[in-house]
Amino acid sequence: MSKLIGFVVVIAFVAFVAALLKKKNIGDVSGEWSFYPRKPLSGLEQVLFFRLSKALPEHIILAQVQLSS
């Protein structure tokens, strides 16, 4: 009897979550995104990175690390 109650609870939970997802259109990717791709380094940062890489080839250059670090 307890297995049947547990099964009914699980089914009810799955139906509830499916209804919420359908209501909020979470799975819909056709809408407008709030995130946009961008380059990890700006143009000036890229110039500096490549100059440092060329000047210090035996070292690892970490991008976007504060000078105080």
PDB file of N, CA and C in Angstrom:
ATOM      1  N   MET A   1       0.832  -1.192   0.000  1.00  0.00           N
ATOM      2  CA  MET A   1       0.000   0.000   0.000  1.00  0.00           C
ATOM      3  C   MET A   1       0.877   1.257   0.000  1.00  0.00           C
ATOM      4  N   SER A   2       1.975   1.229   0.773  1.00  0.00           N
ATOM      5  CA  SER A   2       2.832   2.407   0.844  1.00  0.00           C
ATOM      6  C   SER A   2       3.559   2.632  -0.486  1.00  0.00           C
ATOM      7  N   LYS A   3       3.846   1.546  -1.237  1.00  0.00           N
ATOM      8  CA  LYS A   3       4.468   1.693  -2.544  1.00  0.00           C
ATOM      9  C   LYS A   3       3.524   2.405  -3.508  1.00  0.00           C
ATOM     10  N   LEU A   4       2.250   2.091  -3.415  1.00  0.00           N
ATOM     11  CA  LEU A   4       1.254   2.731  -4.273  1.00  0.00           C
ATOM     12  C   LEU A   4       1.141   4.220  -3.955  1.00  0.00           C
ATOM     13  N   ILE A   5       1.158   4.565  -2.695  1.00  0.00           N
ATOM     14  CA  ILE A   5       1.080   5.970  -2.289  1.00  0.00           C
ATOM     15  C   ILE A   5       2.324   6.713  -2.768  1.00  0.00           C
ATOM     16  N   GLY A   6       3.483   6.099  -2.614  1.00  0.00           N
ATOM     17  CA  GLY A   6       4.721   6.711  -3.083  1.00  0.00           C
ATOM     18  C   GLY A   6       4.704   6.919  -4.589  1.00  0.00           C
ATOM     19  N   PHE A   7       4.190   5.934  -5.325  1.00  0.00           N
ATOM     20  CA  PHE A   7       4.091   6.036  -6.778  1.00  0.00           C
ATOM     21  C   PHE A   7       3.165   7.172  -7.178  1.00  0.00           C
ATOM     22  N   VAL A   8       2.046   7.296  -6.511  1.00  0.00           N
ATOM     23  CA  VAL A   8       1.084   8.365  -6.812  1.00  0.00           C
ATOM     24  C   VAL A   8       1.707   9.730  -6.508  1.00  0.00           C
ATOM     25  N   VAL A   9       2.460   9.835  -5.423  1.00  0.00           N
ATOM     26  CA  VAL A   9       3.106  11.099  -5.075  1.00  0.00           C
ATOM     27  C   VAL A   9       4.139  11.478  -6.134  1.00  0.00           C
ATOM     28  N   VAL A  10       4.919  10.517  -6.592  1.00  0.00           N
ATOM     29  CA  VAL A  10       5.924  10.785  -7.622  1.00  0.00           C
ATOM     30  C   VAL A  10       5.256  11.225  -8.917  1.00  0.00           C
ATOM     31  N   ILE A  11       4.216  10.554  -9.322  1.00  0.00           N
ATOM     32  CA  ILE A  11       3.498  10.918 -10.552  1.00  0.00           C
ATOM     33  C   ILE A  11       2.901  12.316 -10.424  1.00  0.00           C
ATOM     34  N   ALA A  12       2.340  12.646  -9.272  1.00  0.00           N
ATOM     35  CA  ALA A  12       1.765  13.971  -9.064  1.00  0.00           C
ATOM     36  C   ALA A  12       2.852  15.044  -9.131  1.00  0.00           C
ATOM     37  N   PHE A  13       4.013  14.757  -8.563  1.00  0.00           N
ATOM     38  CA  PHE A  13       5.118  15.713  -8.593  1.00  0.00           C
ATOM     39  C   PHE A  13       5.605  15.940 -10.026  1.00  0.00           C
ATOM     40  N   VAL A  14       5.756  14.884 -10.790  1.00  0.00           N
ATOM     41  CA  VAL A  14       6.191  14.997 -12.181  1.00  0.00           C
ATOM     42  C   VAL A  14       5.180  15.801 -12.993  1.00  0.00           C
ATOM     43  N   ALA A  15       3.903  15.574 -12.780  1.00  0.00           N
ATOM     44  CA  ALA A  15       2.870  16.327 -13.494  1.00  0.00           C
ATOM     45  C   ALA A  15       2.906  17.804 -13.107  1.00  0.00           C
ATOM     46  N   PHE A  16       3.149  18.073 -11.838  1.00  0.00           N
ATOM     47  CA  PHE A  16       3.228  19.452 -11.364  1.00  0.00           C
ATOM     48  C   PHE A  16       4.413  20.180 -11.993  1.00  0.00           C
ATOM     49  N   VAL A  17       5.567  19.541 -12.026  1.00  0.00           N
ATOM     50  CA  VAL A  17       6.756  20.148 -12.628  1.00  0.00           C
ATOM     51  C   VAL A  17       6.546  20.350 -14.125  1.00  0.00           C
ATOM     52  N   ALA A  18       5.952  19.388 -14.801  1.00  0.00           N
ATOM     53  CA  ALA A  18       5.696  19.525 -16.233  1.00  0.00           C
ATOM     54  C   ALA A  18       4.752  20.701 -16.500  1.00  0.00           C
ATOM     55  N   ALA A  19       3.758  20.887 -15.653  1.00  0.00           N
ATOM     56  CA  ALA A  19       2.830  22.005 -15.826  1.00  0.00           C
ATOM     57  C   ALA A  19       3.539  23.339 -15.616  1.00  0.00           C
ATOM     58  N   LEU A  20       4.452  23.405 -14.639  1.00  0.00           N
ATOM     59  CA  LEU A  20       5.210  24.640 -14.415  1.00  0.00           C
ATOM     60  C   LEU A  20       6.118  24.951 -15.595  1.00  0.00           C
ATOM     61  N   LEU A  21       6.788  23.950 -16.125  1.00  0.00           N
ATOM     62  CA  LEU A  21       7.671  24.155 -17.266  1.00  0.00           C
ATOM     63  C   LEU A  21       6.892  24.612 -18.492  1.00  0.00           C
ATOM     64  N   LYS A  22       5.729  24.043 -18.686  1.00  0.00           N
ATOM     65  CA  LYS A  22       4.910  24.436 -19.832  1.00  0.00           C
ATOM     66  C   LYS A  22       4.399  25.870 -19.661  1.00  0.00           C
ATOM     67  N   LYS A  23       4.058  26.230 -18.435  1.00  0.00           N
ATOM     68  CA  LYS A  23       3.533  27.566 -18.172  1.00  0.00           C
ATOM     69  C   LYS A  23       4.601  28.631 -18.366  1.00  0.00           C
ATOM     70  N   LYS A  24       5.842  28.345 -17.941  1.00  0.00           N
ATOM     71  CA  LYS A  24       6.923  29.321 -18.023  1.00  0.00           C
ATOM     72  C   LYS A  24       7.700  29.239 -19.329  1.00  0.00           C
ATOM     73  N   ASN A  25       7.423  28.248 -20.159  1.00  0.00           N
ATOM     74  CA  ASN A  25       8.125  28.043 -21.433  1.00  0.00           C
ATOM     75  C   ASN A  25       9.635  27.963 -21.235  1.00  0.00           C
ATOM     76  N   ILE A  26      10.082  27.243 -20.209  1.00  0.00           N
ATOM     77  CA  ILE A  26      11.497  27.124 -19.914  1.00  0.00           C
ATOM     78  C   ILE A  26      12.218  26.388 -21.037  1.00  0.00           C
ATOM     79  N   GLY A  27      11.614  25.401 -21.626  1.00  0.00           N
ATOM     80  CA  GLY A  27      12.259  24.640 -22.680  1.00  0.00           C
ATOM     81  C   GLY A  27      12.258  25.337 -24.027  1.00  0.00           C
ATOM     82  N   ASP A  28      11.593  26.480 -24.144  1.00  0.00           N
ATOM     83  CA  ASP A  28      11.486  27.194 -25.423  1.00  0.00           C
ATOM     84  C   ASP A  28      12.742  28.022 -25.656  1.00  0.00           C
ATOM     85  N   VAL A  29      13.508  27.683 -26.699  1.00  0.00           N
ATOM     86  CA  VAL A  29      14.726  28.427 -27.013  1.00  0.00           C
ATOM     87  C   VAL A  29      14.523  29.363 -28.191  1.00  0.00           C
ATOM     88  N   SER A  30      13.304  29.483 -28.685  1.00  0.00           N
ATOM     89  CA  SER A  30      13.058  30.347 -29.836  1.00  0.00           C
ATOM     90  C   SER A  30      12.921  31.810 -29.428  1.00  0.00           C
ATOM     91  N   GLY A  31      12.754  32.086 -28.150  1.00  0.00           N
ATOM     92  CA  GLY A  31      12.606  33.457 -27.689  1.00  0.00           C
ATOM     93  C   GLY A  31      13.933  34.188 -27.631  1.00  0.00           C
ATOM     94  N   GLU A  32      13.887  35.441 -27.213  1.00  0.00           N
ATOM     95  CA  GLU A  32      15.099  36.255 -27.138  1.00  0.00           C
ATOM     96  C   GLU A  32      15.908  35.879 -25.908  1.00  0.00           C
ATOM     97  N   TRP A  33      17.215  35.743 -26.082  1.00  0.00           N
ATOM     98  CA  TRP A  33      18.109  35.359 -24.983  1.00  0.00           C
ATOM     99  C   TRP A  33      18.570  36.610 -24.250  1.00  0.00           C
ATOM    100  N   SER A  34      18.775  36.479 -22.963  1.00  0.00           N
ATOM    101  CA  SER A  34      19.284  37.602 -22.188  1.00  0.00           C
ATOM    102  C   SER A  34      20.810  37.575 -22.110  1.00  0.00           C
ATOM    103  N   PHE A  35      21.444  36.546 -22.668  1.00  0.00           N
ATOM    104  CA  PHE A  35      22.895  36.441 -22.656  1.00  0.00           C
ATOM    105  C   PHE A  35      23.414  36.515 -24.085  1.00  0.00           C
ATOM    106  N   TYR A  36      24.515  37.209 -24.264  1.00  0.00           N
ATOM    107  CA  TYR A  36      25.099  37.350 -25.580  1.00  0.00           C
ATOM    108  C   TYR A  36      26.578  36.985 -25.503  1.00  0.00           C
ATOM    109  N   PRO A  37      27.109  36.358 -26.550  1.00  0.00           N
ATOM    110  CA  PRO A  37      28.536  36.011 -26.515  1.00  0.00           C
ATOM    111  C   PRO A  37      29.403  37.258 -26.651  1.00  0.00           C
ATOM    112  N   ARG A  38      30.544  37.219 -25.995  1.00  0.00           N
ATOM    113  CA  ARG A  38      31.510  38.296 -26.150  1.00  0.00           C
ATOM    114  C   ARG A  38      32.906  37.710 -26.061  1.00  0.00           C
ATOM    115  N   LYS A  39      33.862  38.439 -26.580  1.00  0.00           N
ATOM    116  CA  LYS A  39      35.233  37.968 -26.573  1.00  0.00           C
ATOM    117  C   LYS A  39      35.785  38.025 -25.145  1.00  0.00           C
ATOM    118  N   PRO A  40      36.626  37.054 -24.788  1.00  0.00           N
ATOM    119  CA  PRO A  40      37.178  37.058 -23.430  1.00  0.00           C
ATOM    120  C   PRO A  40      38.121  38.227 -23.171  1.00  0.00           C
ATOM    121  N   LEU A  41      38.791  38.717 -24.214  1.00  0.00           N
ATOM    122  CA  LEU A  41      39.704  39.848 -24.075  1.00  0.00           C
ATOM    123  C   LEU A  41      39.340  40.937 -25.085  1.00  0.00           C
ATOM    124  N   SER A  42      39.469  42.186 -24.656  1.00  0.00           N
ATOM    125  CA  SER A  42      39.238  43.292 -25.582  1.00  0.00           C
ATOM    126  C   SER A  42      40.414  43.382 -26.544  1.00  0.00           C
ATOM    127  N   GLY A  43      40.337  44.256 -27.515  1.00  0.00           N
ATOM    128  CA  GLY A  43      41.402  44.416 -28.491  1.00  0.00           C
ATOM    129  C   GLY A  43      42.730  44.800 -27.849  1.00  0.00           C
ATOM    130  N   LEU A  44      42.702  45.787 -26.929  1.00  0.00           N
ATOM    131  CA  LEU A  44      43.931  46.211 -26.256  1.00  0.00           C
ATOM    132  C   LEU A  44      44.482  45.107 -25.352  1.00  0.00           C
ATOM    133  N   GLU A  45      43.611  44.375 -24.702  1.00  0.00           N
ATOM    134  CA  GLU A  45      44.065  43.274 -23.855  1.00  0.00           C
ATOM    135  C   GLU A  45      44.716  42.175 -24.690  1.00  0.00           C
ATOM    136  N   GLN A  46      44.175  41.931 -25.879  1.00  0.00           N
ATOM    137  CA  GLN A  46      44.776  40.928 -26.762  1.00  0.00           C
ATOM    138  C   GLN A  46      46.169  41.351 -27.206  1.00  0.00           C
ATOM    139  N   VAL A  47      46.337  42.639 -27.545  1.00  0.00           N
ATOM    140  CA  VAL A  47      47.648  43.141 -27.953  1.00  0.00           C
ATOM    141  C   VAL A  47      48.653  42.944 -26.823  1.00  0.00           C
ATOM    142  N   LEU A  48      48.277  43.333 -25.612  1.00  0.00           N
ATOM    143  CA  LEU A  48      49.167  43.180 -24.468  1.00  0.00           C
ATOM    144  C   LEU A  48      49.476  41.714 -24.196  1.00  0.00           C
ATOM    145  N   PHE A  49      48.475  40.854 -24.282  1.00  0.00           N
ATOM    146  CA  PHE A  49      48.674  39.424 -24.040  1.00  0.00           C
ATOM    147  C   PHE A  49      49.679  38.839 -25.026  1.00  0.00           C
ATOM    148  N   PHE A  50      49.514  39.147 -26.308  1.00  0.00           N
ATOM    149  CA  PHE A  50      50.420  38.583 -27.316  1.00  0.00           C
ATOM    150  C   PHE A  50      51.826  39.169 -27.215  1.00  0.00           C
ATOM    151  N   ARG A  51      51.916  40.440 -26.846  1.00  0.00           N
ATOM    152  CA  ARG A  51      53.254  41.026 -26.647  1.00  0.00           C
ATOM    153  C   ARG A  51      53.963  40.369 -25.467  1.00  0.00           C
ATOM    154  N   LEU A  52      53.257  40.155 -24.382  1.00  0.00           N
ATOM    155  CA  LEU A  52      53.852  39.482 -23.227  1.00  0.00           C
ATOM    156  C   LEU A  52      54.219  38.040 -23.555  1.00  0.00           C
ATOM    157  N   SER A  53      53.367  37.361 -24.296  1.00  0.00           N
ATOM    158  CA  SER A  53      53.660  35.981 -24.689  1.00  0.00           C
ATOM    159  C   SER A  53      54.902  35.901 -25.555  1.00  0.00           C
ATOM    160  N   LYS A  54      55.066  36.880 -26.432  1.00  0.00           N
ATOM    161  CA  LYS A  54      56.234  36.892 -27.314  1.00  0.00           C
ATOM    162  C   LYS A  54      57.501  37.273 -26.540  1.00  0.00           C
ATOM    163  N   ALA A  55      57.360  38.202 -25.597  1.00  0.00           N
ATOM    164  CA  ALA A  55      58.524  38.656 -24.829  1.00  0.00           C
ATOM    165  C   ALA A  55      58.963  37.633 -23.791  1.00  0.00           C
ATOM    166  N   LEU A  56      58.026  36.867 -23.275  1.00  0.00           N
ATOM    167  CA  LEU A  56      58.328  35.881 -22.222  1.00  0.00           C
ATOM    168  C   LEU A  56      57.826  34.496 -22.638  1.00  0.00           C
ATOM    169  N   PRO A  57      58.433  33.869 -23.635  1.00  0.00           N
ATOM    170  CA  PRO A  57      57.898  32.599 -24.140  1.00  0.00           C
ATOM    171  C   PRO A  57      57.998  31.439 -23.151  1.00  0.00           C
ATOM    172  N   GLU A  58      58.895  31.531 -22.175  1.00  0.00           N
ATOM    173  CA  GLU A  58      59.044  30.438 -21.220  1.00  0.00           C
ATOM    174  C   GLU A  58      58.103  30.564 -20.019  1.00  0.00           C
ATOM    175  N   HIS A  59      57.312  31.614 -19.992  1.00  0.00           N
ATOM    176  CA  HIS A  59      56.387  31.848 -18.884  1.00  0.00           C
ATOM    177  C   HIS A  59      54.939  31.652 -19.338  1.00  0.00           C
ATOM    178  N   ILE A  60      54.075  31.395 -18.365  1.00  0.00           N
ATOM    179  CA  ILE A  60      52.637  31.292 -18.620  1.00  0.00           C
ATOM    180  C   ILE A  60      52.018  32.654 -18.334  1.00  0.00           C
ATOM    181  N   ILE A  61      51.321  33.191 -19.299  1.00  0.00           N
ATOM    182  CA  ILE A  61      50.668  34.494 -19.154  1.00  0.00           C
ATOM    183  C   ILE A  61      49.198  34.239 -18.842  1.00  0.00           C
ATOM    184  N   LEU A  62      48.742  34.749 -17.722  1.00  0.00           N
ATOM    185  CA  LEU A  62      47.340  34.607 -17.312  1.00  0.00           C
ATOM    186  C   LEU A  62      46.579  35.880 -17.693  1.00  0.00           C
ATOM    187  N   ALA A  63      45.522  35.692 -18.426  1.00  0.00           N
ATOM    188  CA  ALA A  63      44.717  36.835 -18.893  1.00  0.00           C
ATOM    189  C   ALA A  63      43.813  37.340 -17.783  1.00  0.00           C
ATOM    190  N   GLN A  64      43.603  38.648 -17.766  1.00  0.00           N
ATOM    191  CA  GLN A  64      42.689  39.335 -16.849  1.00  0.00           C
ATOM    192  C   GLN A  64      42.987  39.039 -15.389  1.00  0.00           C
ATOM    193  N   VAL A  65      44.240  39.115 -15.027  1.00  0.00           N
ATOM    194  CA  VAL A  65      44.648  39.005 -13.633  1.00  0.00           C
ATOM    195  C   VAL A  65      45.120  40.388 -13.211  1.00  0.00           C
ATOM    196  N   GLN A  66      44.666  40.864 -12.055  1.00  0.00           N
ATOM    197  CA  GLN A  66      45.031  42.187 -11.597  1.00  0.00           C
ATOM    198  C   GLN A  66      46.536  42.273 -11.345  1.00  0.00           C
ATOM    199  N   LEU A  67      47.099  43.428 -11.602  1.00  0.00           N
ATOM    200  CA  LEU A  67      48.527  43.617 -11.392  1.00  0.00           C
ATOM    201  C   LEU A  67      48.896  43.445  -9.923  1.00  0.00           C
ATOM    202  N   SER A  68      47.985  43.775  -9.024  1.00  0.00           N
ATOM    203  CA  SER A  68      48.273  43.619  -7.594  1.00  0.00           C
ATOM    204  C   SER A  68      48.386  42.166  -7.175  1.00  0.00           C
ATOM    205  N   SER A  69      47.854  41.268  -8.004  1.00  0.00           N
ATOM    206  CA  SER A  69      47.935  39.834  -7.677  1.00  0.00           C
ATOM    207  C   SER A  69      49.274  39.305  -8.108  1.00  0.00           C
TER     208      SER A  69
END
